Amino acid sequence: MPDNGYIALLVLVSAAVTWMLRALPFAVLAPMRHSSVVRYLSVHMPVGVMVMLAVYTVHGAARQTPAEVGWLAVGVAVTAGLHLWRGQALLSIAVGTATYVTLLTAFT
């Protein structure tokens, strides 16, 4: 059984490393805050990441039955429509996912 002092040291070192790893991006980004590249990436990266996730998710539908692909299409349409209407990503994703899961479980 390890000594209590040893365990406390491990906790302190782990906390310090975690804090430094979380602070590192802010420290590195501070000098580049006014860079045109960072400004461009901050505008276009969220959309790019969401497109990649959507393509990856829909690509997996190739192995599903035609009915499941249809339910996926309805879920994507609900997500896109709700996002265009309300403009809230979290709401759109939650309702679209709930729609898809509801259809998938109700008709399977």
N, C-alpha and C. Protein backbone atom coordinates (compact mmCIF):
# COMPACT_ATOMS: atom_id res chain seq x y z
N MET A 1 0.85 -1.18 0.00
CA MET A 1 0.00 0.00 0.00
C MET A 1 0.89 1.24 0.00
N PRO A 2 0.70 2.14 -0.99
CA PRO A 2 1.54 3.34 -1.05
C PRO A 2 1.30 4.26 0.14
N ASP A 3 2.31 5.02 0.45
CA ASP A 3 2.26 6.00 1.54
C ASP A 3 1.31 7.14 1.17
N ASN A 4 0.64 7.73 2.17
CA ASN A 4 -0.30 8.83 1.91
C ASN A 4 0.40 10.04 1.28
N GLY A 5 1.63 10.31 1.70
CA GLY A 5 2.39 11.42 1.12
C GLY A 5 2.65 11.19 -0.35
N TYR A 6 2.95 9.95 -0.72
CA TYR A 6 3.19 9.59 -2.12
C TYR A 6 1.92 9.79 -2.95
N ILE A 7 0.79 9.38 -2.43
CA ILE A 7 -0.49 9.55 -3.12
C ILE A 7 -0.81 11.03 -3.28
N ALA A 8 -0.57 11.82 -2.23
CA ALA A 8 -0.82 13.26 -2.31
C ALA A 8 0.09 13.91 -3.35
N LEU A 9 1.34 13.49 -3.42
CA LEU A 9 2.26 14.00 -4.43
C LEU A 9 1.78 13.66 -5.83
N LEU A 10 1.32 12.45 -6.03
CA LEU A 10 0.79 12.04 -7.33
C LEU A 10 -0.43 12.87 -7.73
N VAL A 11 -1.31 13.14 -6.79
CA VAL A 11 -2.49 13.96 -7.07
C VAL A 11 -2.07 15.37 -7.43
N LEU A 12 -1.12 15.95 -6.69
CA LEU A 12 -0.65 17.30 -6.98
C LEU A 12 0.03 17.39 -8.34
N VAL A 13 0.86 16.43 -8.66
CA VAL A 13 1.53 16.42 -9.97
C VAL A 13 0.50 16.25 -11.09
N SER A 14 -0.45 15.38 -10.90
CA SER A 14 -1.50 15.19 -11.91
C SER A 14 -2.32 16.46 -12.10
N ALA A 15 -2.65 17.12 -11.01
CA ALA A 15 -3.42 18.37 -11.09
C ALA A 15 -2.61 19.45 -11.81
N ALA A 16 -1.32 19.55 -11.50
CA ALA A 16 -0.48 20.56 -12.14
C ALA A 16 -0.35 20.30 -13.64
N VAL A 17 -0.13 19.06 -14.01
CA VAL A 17 -0.01 18.73 -15.43
C VAL A 17 -1.33 19.00 -16.16
N THR A 18 -2.44 18.63 -15.55
CA THR A 18 -3.75 18.89 -16.16
C THR A 18 -3.98 20.38 -16.33
N TRP A 19 -3.66 21.16 -15.32
CA TRP A 19 -3.85 22.61 -15.39
C TRP A 19 -2.97 23.20 -16.50
N MET A 20 -1.72 22.78 -16.57
CA MET A 20 -0.81 23.31 -17.60
C MET A 20 -1.27 22.93 -19.01
N LEU A 21 -1.75 21.68 -19.18
CA LEU A 21 -2.22 21.27 -20.50
C LEU A 21 -3.47 22.04 -20.92
N ARG A 22 -4.30 22.40 -19.97
CA ARG A 22 -5.49 23.18 -20.30
C ARG A 22 -5.15 24.64 -20.54
N ALA A 23 -4.12 25.16 -19.90
CA ALA A 23 -3.73 26.56 -20.07
C ALA A 23 -2.86 26.76 -21.31
N LEU A 24 -2.19 25.72 -21.76
CA LEU A 24 -1.27 25.83 -22.89
C LEU A 24 -1.89 26.41 -24.16
N PRO A 25 -3.06 25.96 -24.61
CA PRO A 25 -3.63 26.55 -25.83
C PRO A 25 -3.89 28.05 -25.70
N PHE A 26 -4.31 28.51 -24.53
CA PHE A 26 -4.55 29.94 -24.34
C PHE A 26 -3.25 30.71 -24.38
N ALA A 27 -2.20 30.15 -23.78
CA ALA A 27 -0.90 30.82 -23.77
C ALA A 27 -0.30 30.88 -25.18
N VAL A 28 -0.48 29.84 -25.95
CA VAL A 28 0.04 29.81 -27.32
C VAL A 28 -0.78 30.70 -28.23
N LEU A 29 -2.08 30.74 -28.04
CA LEU A 29 -2.96 31.51 -28.90
C LEU A 29 -2.92 33.01 -28.63
N ALA A 30 -2.55 33.42 -27.44
CA ALA A 30 -2.57 34.85 -27.08
C ALA A 30 -1.76 35.71 -28.05
N PRO A 31 -0.52 35.35 -28.41
CA PRO A 31 0.22 36.19 -29.34
C PRO A 31 -0.37 36.19 -30.77
N MET A 32 -1.10 35.15 -31.11
CA MET A 32 -1.63 35.03 -32.47
C MET A 32 -3.08 35.49 -32.57
N ARG A 33 -3.61 36.08 -31.54
CA ARG A 33 -5.02 36.44 -31.51
C ARG A 33 -5.43 37.38 -32.65
N HIS A 34 -4.54 38.22 -33.11
CA HIS A 34 -4.86 39.18 -34.16
C HIS A 34 -4.43 38.69 -35.54
N SER A 35 -4.05 37.44 -35.65
CA SER A 35 -3.60 36.87 -36.92
C SER A 35 -4.79 36.62 -37.84
N SER A 36 -4.61 36.88 -39.13
CA SER A 36 -5.69 36.65 -40.09
C SER A 36 -5.96 35.15 -40.26
N VAL A 37 -4.94 34.33 -40.10
CA VAL A 37 -5.13 32.87 -40.22
C VAL A 37 -6.01 32.36 -39.09
N VAL A 38 -5.74 32.80 -37.87
CA VAL A 38 -6.54 32.37 -36.72
C VAL A 38 -7.98 32.86 -36.87
N ARG A 39 -8.15 34.08 -37.34
CA ARG A 39 -9.49 34.62 -37.55
C ARG A 39 -10.25 33.79 -38.60
N TYR A 40 -9.56 33.43 -39.69
CA TYR A 40 -10.18 32.62 -40.74
C TYR A 40 -10.58 31.25 -40.20
N LEU A 41 -9.66 30.61 -39.46
CA LEU A 41 -9.95 29.28 -38.91
C LEU A 41 -11.09 29.33 -37.90
N SER A 42 -11.18 30.39 -37.10
CA SER A 42 -12.24 30.47 -36.11
C SER A 42 -13.62 30.60 -36.76
N VAL A 43 -13.65 31.12 -37.97
CA VAL A 43 -14.92 31.25 -38.69
C VAL A 43 -15.28 29.96 -39.43
N HIS A 44 -14.29 29.34 -40.06
CA HIS A 44 -14.58 28.22 -40.96
C HIS A 44 -14.39 26.83 -40.35
N MET A 45 -13.61 26.68 -39.30
CA MET A 45 -13.37 25.35 -38.74
C MET A 45 -14.61 24.70 -38.14
N PRO A 46 -15.44 25.41 -37.36
CA PRO A 46 -16.63 24.75 -36.81
C PRO A 46 -17.53 24.16 -37.90
N VAL A 47 -17.71 24.88 -38.98
CA VAL A 47 -18.54 24.37 -40.07
C VAL A 47 -17.87 23.16 -40.71
N GLY A 48 -16.57 23.23 -40.91
CA GLY A 48 -15.85 22.11 -41.51
C GLY A 48 -15.91 20.86 -40.67
N VAL A 49 -15.76 21.02 -39.36
CA VAL A 49 -15.83 19.87 -38.46
C VAL A 49 -17.23 19.26 -38.49
N MET A 50 -18.26 20.10 -38.47
CA MET A 50 -19.63 19.58 -38.51
C MET A 50 -19.91 18.86 -39.83
N VAL A 51 -19.40 19.38 -40.94
CA VAL A 51 -19.59 18.71 -42.24
C VAL A 51 -18.90 17.35 -42.23
N MET A 52 -17.67 17.29 -41.71
CA MET A 52 -16.97 16.00 -41.66
C MET A 52 -17.71 14.99 -40.79
N LEU A 53 -18.22 15.43 -39.64
CA LEU A 53 -18.98 14.53 -38.78
C LEU A 53 -20.26 14.06 -39.45
N ALA A 54 -20.94 14.96 -40.14
CA ALA A 54 -22.18 14.58 -40.83
C ALA A 54 -21.90 13.59 -41.95
N VAL A 55 -20.85 13.84 -42.73
CA VAL A 55 -20.51 12.92 -43.83
C VAL A 55 -20.13 11.55 -43.27
N TYR A 56 -19.35 11.53 -42.20
CA TYR A 56 -18.97 10.26 -41.58
C TYR A 56 -20.20 9.49 -41.09
N THR A 57 -21.14 10.21 -40.48
CA THR A 57 -22.35 9.57 -39.96
C THR A 57 -23.21 9.03 -41.08
N VAL A 58 -23.42 9.83 -42.11
CA VAL A 58 -24.28 9.42 -43.22
C VAL A 58 -23.59 8.33 -44.04
N HIS A 59 -22.26 8.36 -44.12
CA HIS A 59 -21.53 7.33 -44.87
C HIS A 59 -21.78 5.94 -44.29
N GLY A 60 -21.94 5.86 -42.98
CA GLY A 60 -22.21 4.57 -42.34
C GLY A 60 -23.58 4.02 -42.68
N ALA A 61 -24.43 4.84 -43.29
CA ALA A 61 -25.78 4.39 -43.62
C ALA A 61 -25.80 3.45 -44.82
N ALA A 62 -24.70 3.32 -45.53
CA ALA A 62 -24.66 2.45 -46.70
C ALA A 62 -24.90 1.00 -46.33
N ARG A 63 -24.64 0.62 -45.11
CA ARG A 63 -24.83 -0.76 -44.67
C ARG A 63 -26.19 -0.98 -44.03
N GLN A 64 -27.05 0.01 -44.05
CA GLN A 64 -28.36 -0.10 -43.41
C GLN A 64 -29.42 -0.46 -44.45
N THR A 65 -30.58 -0.84 -43.94
CA THR A 65 -31.71 -1.16 -44.81
C THR A 65 -32.26 0.13 -45.41
N PRO A 66 -33.01 0.05 -46.50
CA PRO A 66 -33.59 1.26 -47.10
C PRO A 66 -34.48 2.05 -46.13
N ALA A 67 -35.23 1.35 -45.27
CA ALA A 67 -36.07 2.05 -44.30
C ALA A 67 -35.21 2.84 -43.32
N GLU A 68 -34.11 2.25 -42.84
CA GLU A 68 -33.23 2.94 -41.91
C GLU A 68 -32.57 4.15 -42.56
N VAL A 69 -32.23 4.03 -43.84
CA VAL A 69 -31.66 5.17 -44.57
C VAL A 69 -32.71 6.29 -44.67
N GLY A 70 -33.96 5.91 -44.87
CA GLY A 70 -35.03 6.91 -44.92
C GLY A 70 -35.20 7.62 -43.59
N TRP A 71 -35.13 6.87 -42.49
CA TRP A 71 -35.25 7.48 -41.16
C TRP A 71 -34.06 8.41 -40.90
N LEU A 72 -32.88 7.99 -41.38
CA LEU A 72 -31.71 8.84 -41.25
C LEU A 72 -31.90 10.14 -42.03
N ALA A 73 -32.46 10.02 -43.23
CA ALA A 73 -32.73 11.21 -44.04
C ALA A 73 -33.71 12.14 -43.34
N VAL A 74 -34.72 11.58 -42.71
CA VAL A 74 -35.69 12.40 -41.96
C VAL A 74 -34.98 13.09 -40.79
N GLY A 75 -34.13 12.36 -40.07
CA GLY A 75 -33.38 12.94 -38.95
C GLY A 75 -32.47 14.07 -39.40
N VAL A 76 -31.78 13.87 -40.52
CA VAL A 76 -30.91 14.92 -41.06
C VAL A 76 -31.74 16.13 -41.49
N ALA A 77 -32.87 15.88 -42.14
CA ALA A 77 -33.73 16.98 -42.58
C ALA A 77 -34.28 17.77 -41.38
N VAL A 78 -34.68 17.06 -40.33
CA VAL A 78 -35.17 17.74 -39.13
C VAL A 78 -34.05 18.57 -38.51
N THR A 79 -32.85 18.00 -38.43
CA THR A 79 -31.72 18.73 -37.86
C THR A 79 -31.42 19.99 -38.67
N ALA A 80 -31.31 19.83 -39.98
CA ALA A 80 -30.99 20.98 -40.83
C ALA A 80 -32.10 22.03 -40.80
N GLY A 81 -33.34 21.58 -40.91
CA GLY A 81 -34.45 22.53 -40.90
C GLY A 81 -34.56 23.29 -39.60
N LEU A 82 -34.41 22.59 -38.50
CA LEU A 82 -34.50 23.25 -37.19
C LEU A 82 -33.34 24.22 -37.00
N HIS A 83 -32.16 23.83 -37.49
CA HIS A 83 -31.02 24.73 -37.35
C HIS A 83 -31.19 25.99 -38.22
N LEU A 84 -31.71 25.82 -39.41
CA LEU A 84 -31.96 26.99 -40.26
C LEU A 84 -33.04 27.88 -39.65
N TRP A 85 -34.02 27.28 -39.01
CA TRP A 85 -35.11 28.04 -38.43
C TRP A 85 -34.70 28.75 -37.14
N ARG A 86 -34.08 28.00 -36.20
CA ARG A 86 -33.77 28.55 -34.89
C ARG A 86 -32.32 29.01 -34.73
N GLY A 87 -31.40 28.39 -35.47
CA GLY A 87 -30.00 28.77 -35.39
C GLY A 87 -29.29 28.33 -34.12
N GLN A 88 -29.80 27.31 -33.44
CA GLN A 88 -29.19 26.81 -32.22
C GLN A 88 -28.71 25.37 -32.46
N ALA A 89 -27.39 25.21 -32.53
CA ALA A 89 -26.81 23.92 -32.88
C ALA A 89 -27.19 22.81 -31.89
N LEU A 90 -27.12 23.09 -30.60
CA LEU A 90 -27.41 22.06 -29.60
C LEU A 90 -28.86 21.59 -29.71
N LEU A 91 -29.77 22.52 -29.87
CA LEU A 91 -31.18 22.16 -30.02
C LEU A 91 -31.39 21.34 -31.28
N SER A 92 -30.80 21.78 -32.38
CA SER A 92 -30.96 21.08 -33.65
C SER A 92 -30.44 19.65 -33.58
N ILE A 93 -29.24 19.49 -33.02
CA ILE A 93 -28.64 18.16 -32.94
C ILE A 93 -29.45 17.26 -32.01
N ALA A 94 -29.89 17.79 -30.88
CA ALA A 94 -30.66 16.98 -29.93
C ALA A 94 -31.99 16.52 -30.52
N VAL A 95 -32.72 17.45 -31.15
CA VAL A 95 -34.03 17.09 -31.71
C VAL A 95 -33.85 16.17 -32.92
N GLY A 96 -32.87 16.44 -33.77
CA GLY A 96 -32.63 15.56 -34.92
C GLY A 96 -32.24 14.15 -34.51
N THR A 97 -31.38 14.05 -33.50
CA THR A 97 -30.97 12.74 -32.99
C THR A 97 -32.16 12.02 -32.36
N ALA A 98 -32.94 12.74 -31.57
CA ALA A 98 -34.12 12.13 -30.95
C ALA A 98 -35.11 11.66 -32.00
N THR A 99 -35.28 12.43 -33.07
CA THR A 99 -36.17 12.03 -34.16
C THR A 99 -35.69 10.74 -34.80
N TYR A 100 -34.42 10.67 -35.12
CA TYR A 100 -33.86 9.48 -35.75
C TYR A 100 -33.97 8.26 -34.85
N VAL A 101 -33.59 8.42 -33.58
CA VAL A 101 -33.63 7.28 -32.66
C VAL A 101 -35.07 6.82 -32.43
N THR A 102 -35.99 7.76 -32.34
CA THR A 102 -37.41 7.42 -32.16
C THR A 102 -37.92 6.63 -33.36
N LEU A 103 -37.62 7.11 -34.56
CA LEU A 103 -38.06 6.39 -35.76
C LEU A 103 -37.42 5.01 -35.84
N LEU A 104 -36.13 4.95 -35.53
CA LEU A 104 -35.41 3.68 -35.61
C LEU A 104 -35.95 2.65 -34.63
N THR A 105 -36.26 3.08 -33.40
CA THR A 105 -36.74 2.13 -32.41
C THR A 105 -38.22 1.82 -32.57
N ALA A 106 -38.99 2.78 -33.06
CA ALA A 106 -40.44 2.56 -33.19
C ALA A 106 -40.77 1.63 -34.35
N PHE A 107 -39.97 1.66 -35.41
CA PHE A 107 -40.30 0.90 -36.61
C PHE A 107 -39.34 -0.25 -36.88
N THR A 108 -38.58 -0.66 -35.89
CA THR A 108 -37.66 -1.77 -36.08
C THR A 108 -38.20 -3.03 -35.44
